[in-house]
Amino acid sequence: MIPPFNDDGVLPPGIHPSRLLEIDVIFGRGSEVRRAQMESVRWMVDLAGQAGASRIILNGSFVTDIMEPNDVDCVLLFAAGVSRNKSAVKQLRAGLPFLSIALVDQVDFDEMVNDFFARDRMGTPKGMVEVIK
């Protein structure tokens, strides 16, 4: 469940697991830009599932209260030894509209989630959203 935004318009620190429907209701409907970004998130989640990603974290201005966010930062965890659909991986690497996607292993995932995504540009802790199925 996604908690309310704090006074700065960001989520409280931590990873907030959520299903796509809740993500859509909270983040995907406030403007035409948000609706288009949400379409790309749905597309990415489908491809990520086909590609064998085990975790998906959403971050950036999309998971704030900004009316028209710049983009959606995404990190996808790919565990070693998991079979992958090469076509889906290729599409993810090529990119999708409005999304900045990193396809990473466990070490890079932990670094991105625990360090890079966990703080804003000023170093203030903030939250992110994990897509759950």
C-alpha atoms as a PDB file:
ATOM      1  CA  MET A   1       0.000   0.000   0.000  1.00  0.00           C
ATOM      2  CA  ILE A   2       1.282   3.427  -0.932  1.00  0.00           C
ATOM      3  CA  PRO A   3       1.290   5.894   1.988  1.00  0.00           C
ATOM      4  CA  PRO A   4       0.354   9.575   1.637  1.00  0.00           C
ATOM      5  CA  PHE A   5       2.937  12.079   0.433  1.00  0.00           C
ATOM      6  CA  ASN A   6       4.832  14.045   3.067  1.00  0.00           C
ATOM      7  CA  ASP A   7       4.834  17.861   3.200  1.00  0.00           C
ATOM      8  CA  ASP A   8       7.541  17.947   0.497  1.00  0.00           C
ATOM      9  CA  GLY A   9       5.341  16.009  -1.942  1.00  0.00           C
ATOM     10  CA  VAL A  10       7.363  12.793  -1.794  1.00  0.00           C
ATOM     11  CA  LEU A  11       6.700   9.387  -0.294  1.00  0.00           C
ATOM     12  CA  PRO A  12       8.017   8.587   3.174  1.00  0.00           C
ATOM     13  CA  PRO A  13      11.395   6.763   3.100  1.00  0.00           C
ATOM     14  CA  GLY A  14      11.398   3.113   2.143  1.00  0.00           C
ATOM     15  CA  ILE A  15      10.126   0.770  -0.527  1.00  0.00           C
ATOM     16  CA  HIS A  16       6.342   0.781  -0.828  1.00  0.00           C
ATOM     17  CA  PRO A  17       5.028  -2.391  -2.541  1.00  0.00           C
ATOM     18  CA  SER A  18       1.991  -1.851  -4.731  1.00  0.00           C
ATOM     19  CA  ARG A  19      -0.009  -3.440  -7.498  1.00  0.00           C
ATOM     20  CA  LEU A  20      -0.341  -1.729 -10.874  1.00  0.00           C
ATOM     21  CA  LEU A  21      -3.949  -0.696 -10.227  1.00  0.00           C
ATOM     22  CA  GLU A  22      -2.987   1.258  -7.097  1.00  0.00           C
ATOM     23  CA  ILE A  23       0.008   2.789  -8.903  1.00  0.00           C
ATOM     24  CA  ASP A  24      -2.328   3.861 -11.702  1.00  0.00           C
ATOM     25  CA  VAL A  25      -4.880   5.378  -9.301  1.00  0.00           C
ATOM     26  CA  ILE A  26      -2.289   7.337  -7.308  1.00  0.00           C
ATOM     27  CA  PHE A  27       0.270   8.273  -9.960  1.00  0.00           C
ATOM     28  CA  GLY A  28      -1.208   7.619 -13.392  1.00  0.00           C
ATOM     29  CA  ARG A  29      -4.246   9.864 -13.685  1.00  0.00           C
ATOM     30  CA  GLY A  30      -3.437  13.429 -12.606  1.00  0.00           C
ATOM     31  CA  SER A  31      -2.573  14.757 -16.065  1.00  0.00           C
ATOM     32  CA  GLU A  32      -2.211  13.698 -19.675  1.00  0.00           C
ATOM     33  CA  VAL A  33       1.547  13.337 -19.089  1.00  0.00           C
ATOM     34  CA  ARG A  34       0.924  11.011 -16.152  1.00  0.00           C
ATOM     35  CA  ARG A  35      -1.529   8.923 -18.194  1.00  0.00           C
ATOM     36  CA  ALA A  36       1.046   8.506 -20.977  1.00  0.00           C
ATOM     37  CA  GLN A  37       3.768   7.633 -18.469  1.00  0.00           C
ATOM     38  CA  MET A  38       1.490   5.058 -16.856  1.00  0.00           C
ATOM     39  CA  GLU A  39       0.917   3.412 -20.239  1.00  0.00           C
ATOM     40  CA  SER A  40       4.683   3.043 -20.608  1.00  0.00           C
ATOM     41  CA  VAL A  41       4.931   1.642 -17.071  1.00  0.00           C
ATOM     42  CA  ARG A  42       2.321  -1.013 -17.936  1.00  0.00           C
ATOM     43  CA  TRP A  43       4.209  -1.860 -21.129  1.00  0.00           C
ATOM     44  CA  MET A  44       7.502  -2.079 -19.217  1.00  0.00           C
ATOM     45  CA  VAL A  45       6.006  -4.301 -16.489  1.00  0.00           C
ATOM     46  CA  ASP A  46       4.694  -6.711 -19.136  1.00  0.00           C
ATOM     47  CA  LEU A  47       8.056  -6.817 -20.910  1.00  0.00           C
ATOM     48  CA  ALA A  48       9.905  -7.163 -17.599  1.00  0.00           C
ATOM     49  CA  GLY A  49       7.800 -10.196 -16.738  1.00  0.00           C
ATOM     50  CA  GLN A  50       8.549 -11.763 -20.122  1.00  0.00           C
ATOM     51  CA  ALA A  51      12.233 -10.902 -19.749  1.00  0.00           C
ATOM     52  CA  GLY A  52      12.519 -12.599 -16.357  1.00  0.00           C
ATOM     53  CA  ALA A  53      12.939  -9.582 -14.064  1.00  0.00           C
ATOM     54  CA  SER A  54      12.367 -10.556 -10.440  1.00  0.00           C
ATOM     55  CA  ARG A  55      11.816  -7.056  -9.017  1.00  0.00           C
ATOM     56  CA  ILE A  56      10.750  -3.661 -10.405  1.00  0.00           C
ATOM     57  CA  ILE A  57      11.260  -0.385  -8.538  1.00  0.00           C
ATOM     58  CA  LEU A  58       9.741   2.921  -9.711  1.00  0.00           C
ATOM     59  CA  ASN A  59      11.266   6.225  -8.715  1.00  0.00           C
ATOM     60  CA  GLY A  60      11.754   9.791  -9.855  1.00  0.00           C
ATOM     61  CA  SER A  61       9.285  12.610 -10.206  1.00  0.00           C
ATOM     62  CA  PHE A  62       6.590  10.113 -11.253  1.00  0.00           C
ATOM     63  CA  VAL A  63       6.282   8.885  -7.644  1.00  0.00           C
ATOM     64  CA  THR A  64       5.809  12.422  -6.284  1.00  0.00           C
ATOM     65  CA  ASP A  65       2.885  14.830  -6.236  1.00  0.00           C
ATOM     66  CA  ILE A  66       4.232  16.828  -9.199  1.00  0.00           C
ATOM     67  CA  MET A  67       1.413  17.331 -11.740  1.00  0.00           C
ATOM     68  CA  GLU A  68       3.581  16.720 -14.819  1.00  0.00           C
ATOM     69  CA  PRO A  69       6.645  14.613 -13.949  1.00  0.00           C
ATOM     70  CA  ASN A  70       9.665  14.513 -16.251  1.00  0.00           C
ATOM     71  CA  ASP A  71       9.986  10.738 -16.423  1.00  0.00           C
ATOM     72  CA  VAL A  72       9.798   7.475 -14.537  1.00  0.00           C
ATOM     73  CA  ASP A  73      13.079   6.085 -13.217  1.00  0.00           C
ATOM     74  CA  CYS A  74      12.977   2.287 -13.121  1.00  0.00           C
ATOM     75  CA  VAL A  75      15.370  -0.380 -11.919  1.00  0.00           C
ATOM     76  CA  LEU A  76      14.757  -4.014 -12.848  1.00  0.00           C
ATOM     77  CA  LEU A  77      16.506  -6.840 -11.000  1.00  0.00           C
ATOM     78  CA  PHE A  78      17.660  -9.795 -13.041  1.00  0.00           C
ATOM     79  CA  ALA A  79      18.779 -12.708 -10.887  1.00  0.00           C
ATOM     80  CA  ALA A  80      21.517 -15.012 -12.146  1.00  0.00           C
ATOM     81  CA  GLY A  81      20.363 -18.250 -13.705  1.00  0.00           C
ATOM     82  CA  VAL A  82      16.834 -17.095 -14.595  1.00  0.00           C
ATOM     83  CA  SER A  83      15.800 -17.820 -18.176  1.00  0.00           C
ATOM     84  CA  ARG A  84      15.137 -14.696 -20.207  1.00  0.00           C
ATOM     85  CA  ASN A  85      13.129 -13.864 -23.273  1.00  0.00           C
ATOM     86  CA  LYS A  86      15.833 -12.202 -25.390  1.00  0.00           C
ATOM     87  CA  SER A  87      13.345 -10.219 -27.455  1.00  0.00           C
ATOM     88  CA  ALA A  88      11.777  -8.681 -24.337  1.00  0.00           C
ATOM     89  CA  VAL A  89      15.219  -7.865 -22.895  1.00  0.00           C
ATOM     90  CA  LYS A  90      16.184  -6.219 -26.174  1.00  0.00           C
ATOM     91  CA  GLN A  91      13.036  -4.062 -26.137  1.00  0.00           C
ATOM     92  CA  LEU A  92      13.713  -2.990 -22.546  1.00  0.00           C
ATOM     93  CA  ARG A  93      17.314  -2.093 -23.362  1.00  0.00           C
ATOM     94  CA  ALA A  94      16.137  -0.073 -26.381  1.00  0.00           C
ATOM     95  CA  GLY A  95      13.931   1.937 -24.023  1.00  0.00           C
ATOM     96  CA  LEU A  96      10.317   2.962 -23.762  1.00  0.00           C
ATOM     97  CA  PRO A  97       8.729   6.418 -23.899  1.00  0.00           C
ATOM     98  CA  PHE A  98       8.982   8.429 -20.648  1.00  0.00           C
ATOM     99  CA  LEU A  99      11.005   5.709 -18.873  1.00  0.00           C
ATOM    100  CA  SER A 100      14.606   5.576 -17.749  1.00  0.00           C
ATOM    101  CA  ILE A 101      15.242   1.851 -17.268  1.00  0.00           C
ATOM    102  CA  ALA A 102      18.234   0.145 -15.642  1.00  0.00           C
ATOM    103  CA  LEU A 103      18.521  -3.638 -16.015  1.00  0.00           C
ATOM    104  CA  VAL A 104      20.823  -4.773 -13.220  1.00  0.00           C
ATOM    105  CA  ASP A 105      22.128  -7.640 -11.105  1.00  0.00           C
ATOM    106  CA  GLN A 106      21.700  -7.907  -7.326  1.00  0.00           C
ATOM    107  CA  VAL A 107      24.770  -5.823  -6.413  1.00  0.00           C
ATOM    108  CA  ASP A 108      23.781  -2.898  -8.644  1.00  0.00           C
ATOM    109  CA  PHE A 109      20.132  -3.230  -7.624  1.00  0.00           C
ATOM    110  CA  ASP A 110      21.018  -2.916  -3.936  1.00  0.00           C
ATOM    111  CA  GLU A 111      23.206   0.110  -4.617  1.00  0.00           C
ATOM    112  CA  MET A 112      20.559   1.868  -6.695  1.00  0.00           C
ATOM    113  CA  VAL A 113      17.697   1.159  -4.301  1.00  0.00           C
ATOM    114  CA  ASN A 114      19.541   1.682  -1.017  1.00  0.00           C
ATOM    115  CA  ASP A 115      21.629   4.667  -2.054  1.00  0.00           C
ATOM    116  CA  PHE A 116      20.683   6.408  -5.300  1.00  0.00           C
ATOM    117  CA  PHE A 117      16.878   6.037  -5.263  1.00  0.00           C
ATOM    118  CA  ALA A 118      16.551   6.384  -1.470  1.00  0.00           C
ATOM    119  CA  ARG A 119      17.467  10.085  -1.427  1.00  0.00           C
ATOM    120  CA  ASP A 120      16.608  13.193  -3.407  1.00  0.00           C
ATOM    121  CA  ARG A 121      19.212  15.501  -4.968  1.00  0.00           C
ATOM    122  CA  MET A 122      19.654  17.292  -1.640  1.00  0.00           C
ATOM    123  CA  GLY A 123      20.306  14.007   0.186  1.00  0.00           C
ATOM    124  CA  THR A 124      16.935  13.940   1.936  1.00  0.00           C
ATOM    125  CA  PRO A 125      15.519  10.405   2.403  1.00  0.00           C
ATOM    126  CA  LYS A 126      12.453   9.612   0.304  1.00  0.00           C
ATOM    127  CA  GLY A 127      10.399   6.640  -0.758  1.00  0.00           C
ATOM    128  CA  MET A 128       9.970   4.620  -3.925  1.00  0.00           C
ATOM    129  CA  VAL A 129       7.426   2.108  -5.220  1.00  0.00           C
ATOM    130  CA  GLU A 130       7.930  -1.597  -5.928  1.00  0.00           C
ATOM    131  CA  VAL A 131       5.596  -3.155  -8.473  1.00  0.00           C
ATOM    132  CA  ILE A 132       4.144  -6.396  -7.132  1.00  0.00           C
ATOM    133  CA  LYS A 133       2.102  -8.938  -9.058  1.00  0.00           C
END
